[in-house]
Amino acid sequence: MTKEQFKEEKNYQASKMCFRQMLEKGIITQEEYKQIGTILLEKYQPILGSLFFGNCLT
């Protein structure tokens, strides 16, 4: 993994964590979380995060 890939992975994971907390607090809906997840995947193109995102939607 390059430094740039690591940076993008880190940014993706941090962003996802913030939105996951918003979901858990009821600030956003499950559908909004899925939409945000898709946007984050497109923006950061994480190597590892993309493997696990689908499992985090429940």
N, C-alpha and C. Protein backbone atom coordinates (compact mmCIF):
# COMPACT_ATOMS: atom_id res chain seq x y z
N MET A 1 0.86 -1.17 0.00
CA MET A 1 0.00 0.00 0.00
C MET A 1 0.91 1.24 0.00
N THR A 2 0.63 2.14 -0.90
CA THR A 2 1.42 3.37 -0.97
C THR A 2 0.98 4.34 0.14
N LYS A 3 1.75 5.38 0.33
CA LYS A 3 1.38 6.40 1.32
C LYS A 3 0.06 7.06 0.95
N GLU A 4 -0.13 7.31 -0.33
CA GLU A 4 -1.38 7.93 -0.80
C GLU A 4 -2.57 7.00 -0.56
N GLN A 5 -2.40 5.72 -0.85
CA GLN A 5 -3.48 4.75 -0.62
C GLN A 5 -3.80 4.66 0.87
N PHE A 6 -2.76 4.68 1.70
CA PHE A 6 -2.97 4.63 3.15
C PHE A 6 -3.74 5.87 3.62
N LYS A 7 -3.37 7.02 3.10
CA LYS A 7 -4.04 8.28 3.45
C LYS A 7 -5.52 8.21 3.07
N GLU A 8 -5.81 7.72 1.88
CA GLU A 8 -7.21 7.61 1.44
C GLU A 8 -7.98 6.60 2.28
N GLU A 9 -7.33 5.51 2.62
CA GLU A 9 -7.96 4.49 3.47
C GLU A 9 -8.29 5.09 4.84
N LYS A 10 -7.35 5.81 5.41
CA LYS A 10 -7.53 6.44 6.71
C LYS A 10 -8.68 7.46 6.66
N ASN A 11 -8.70 8.28 5.64
CA ASN A 11 -9.77 9.28 5.50
C ASN A 11 -11.13 8.61 5.33
N TYR A 12 -11.17 7.54 4.56
CA TYR A 12 -12.41 6.80 4.36
C TYR A 12 -12.91 6.23 5.69
N GLN A 13 -12.03 5.58 6.42
CA GLN A 13 -12.42 4.95 7.68
C GLN A 13 -12.90 5.99 8.69
N ALA A 14 -12.22 7.12 8.77
CA ALA A 14 -12.61 8.18 9.70
C ALA A 14 -13.98 8.74 9.33
N SER A 15 -14.19 8.98 8.05
CA SER A 15 -15.48 9.50 7.59
C SER A 15 -16.59 8.51 7.86
N LYS A 16 -16.33 7.25 7.55
CA LYS A 16 -17.34 6.21 7.75
C LYS A 16 -17.72 6.11 9.23
N MET A 17 -16.73 6.23 10.11
CA MET A 17 -16.99 6.14 11.54
C MET A 17 -17.92 7.27 12.00
N CYS A 18 -17.69 8.47 11.50
CA CYS A 18 -18.53 9.61 11.87
C CYS A 18 -19.97 9.38 11.42
N PHE A 19 -20.14 8.91 10.20
CA PHE A 19 -21.49 8.69 9.69
C PHE A 19 -22.15 7.49 10.38
N ARG A 20 -21.37 6.51 10.77
CA ARG A 20 -21.92 5.36 11.49
C ARG A 20 -22.48 5.82 12.85
N GLN A 21 -21.76 6.71 13.50
CA GLN A 21 -22.25 7.25 14.77
C GLN A 21 -23.53 8.05 14.57
N MET A 22 -23.59 8.78 13.48
CA MET A 22 -24.82 9.53 13.17
C MET A 22 -25.99 8.58 12.95
N LEU A 23 -25.72 7.47 12.28
CA LEU A 23 -26.76 6.46 12.06
C LEU A 23 -27.23 5.89 13.40
N GLU A 24 -26.28 5.53 14.25
CA GLU A 24 -26.63 4.94 15.55
C GLU A 24 -27.41 5.90 16.44
N LYS A 25 -27.18 7.20 16.28
CA LYS A 25 -27.90 8.20 17.08
C LYS A 25 -29.22 8.61 16.44
N GLY A 26 -29.51 8.08 15.26
CA GLY A 26 -30.77 8.38 14.60
C GLY A 26 -30.77 9.70 13.84
N ILE A 27 -29.59 10.27 13.63
CA ILE A 27 -29.49 11.54 12.91
C ILE A 27 -29.71 11.33 11.41
N ILE A 28 -29.23 10.19 10.91
CA ILE A 28 -29.45 9.83 9.51
C ILE A 28 -30.12 8.46 9.47
N THR A 29 -30.78 8.17 8.38
CA THR A 29 -31.46 6.88 8.21
C THR A 29 -30.50 5.86 7.60
N GLN A 30 -30.93 4.61 7.62
CA GLN A 30 -30.16 3.52 7.00
C GLN A 30 -29.96 3.80 5.52
N GLU A 31 -31.00 4.29 4.86
CA GLU A 31 -30.90 4.59 3.43
C GLU A 31 -29.89 5.71 3.18
N GLU A 32 -29.92 6.74 3.99
CA GLU A 32 -28.94 7.83 3.85
C GLU A 32 -27.52 7.32 4.09
N TYR A 33 -27.38 6.43 5.07
CA TYR A 33 -26.07 5.85 5.36
C TYR A 33 -25.53 5.08 4.16
N LYS A 34 -26.40 4.33 3.51
CA LYS A 34 -26.00 3.59 2.31
C LYS A 34 -25.57 4.54 1.20
N GLN A 35 -26.33 5.61 1.00
CA GLN A 35 -25.98 6.59 -0.03
C GLN A 35 -24.65 7.27 0.28
N ILE A 36 -24.46 7.63 1.53
CA ILE A 36 -23.21 8.26 1.95
C ILE A 36 -22.05 7.28 1.75
N GLY A 37 -22.28 6.02 2.08
CA GLY A 37 -21.25 5.00 1.91
C GLY A 37 -20.80 4.88 0.47
N THR A 38 -21.74 4.92 -0.44
CA THR A 38 -21.42 4.86 -1.87
C THR A 38 -20.59 6.06 -2.28
N ILE A 39 -20.96 7.22 -1.80
CA ILE A 39 -20.21 8.45 -2.12
C ILE A 39 -18.79 8.37 -1.56
N LEU A 40 -18.66 7.89 -0.32
CA LEU A 40 -17.34 7.76 0.28
C LEU A 40 -16.47 6.78 -0.48
N LEU A 41 -17.06 5.66 -0.92
CA LEU A 41 -16.29 4.70 -1.71
C LEU A 41 -15.78 5.31 -3.01
N GLU A 42 -16.63 6.08 -3.66
CA GLU A 42 -16.22 6.74 -4.90
C GLU A 42 -15.16 7.80 -4.66
N LYS A 43 -15.31 8.53 -3.58
CA LYS A 43 -14.38 9.63 -3.29
C LYS A 43 -13.00 9.12 -2.90
N TYR A 44 -12.94 8.17 -1.97
CA TYR A 44 -11.66 7.74 -1.42
C TYR A 44 -11.07 6.50 -2.09
N GLN A 45 -11.91 5.69 -2.71
CA GLN A 45 -11.49 4.45 -3.35
C GLN A 45 -10.56 3.63 -2.45
N PRO A 46 -11.05 3.30 -1.25
CA PRO A 46 -10.22 2.55 -0.31
C PRO A 46 -9.99 1.12 -0.77
N ILE A 47 -8.83 0.60 -0.44
CA ILE A 47 -8.52 -0.77 -0.80
C ILE A 47 -9.21 -1.73 0.16
N LEU A 48 -9.02 -1.54 1.43
CA LEU A 48 -9.59 -2.43 2.43
C LEU A 48 -11.04 -2.10 2.75
N GLY A 49 -11.34 -0.83 2.87
CA GLY A 49 -12.68 -0.40 3.24
C GLY A 49 -13.75 -0.86 2.28
N SER A 50 -13.44 -0.93 1.01
CA SER A 50 -14.43 -1.36 0.03
C SER A 50 -14.80 -2.82 0.20
N LEU A 51 -13.93 -3.61 0.80
CA LEU A 51 -14.21 -5.02 1.02
C LEU A 51 -15.23 -5.23 2.13
N PHE A 52 -15.27 -4.30 3.08
CA PHE A 52 -16.08 -4.46 4.26
C PHE A 52 -17.33 -3.60 4.31
N PHE A 53 -17.49 -2.63 3.42
CA PHE A 53 -18.60 -1.70 3.54
C PHE A 53 -19.96 -2.40 3.50
N GLY A 54 -20.13 -3.34 2.60
CA GLY A 54 -21.41 -4.03 2.50
C GLY A 54 -21.83 -4.72 3.78
N ASN A 55 -20.86 -5.18 4.56
CA ASN A 55 -21.15 -5.85 5.83
C ASN A 55 -21.55 -4.87 6.91
N CYS A 56 -21.29 -3.60 6.72
CA CYS A 56 -21.56 -2.61 7.76
C CYS A 56 -22.93 -1.97 7.59
N LEU A 57 -23.68 -2.36 6.62
CA LEU A 57 -24.94 -1.68 6.33
C LEU A 57 -26.10 -2.16 7.18
N THR A 58 -25.92 -3.18 7.95
CA THR A 58 -27.04 -3.69 8.75
C THR A 58 -27.03 -3.12 10.14
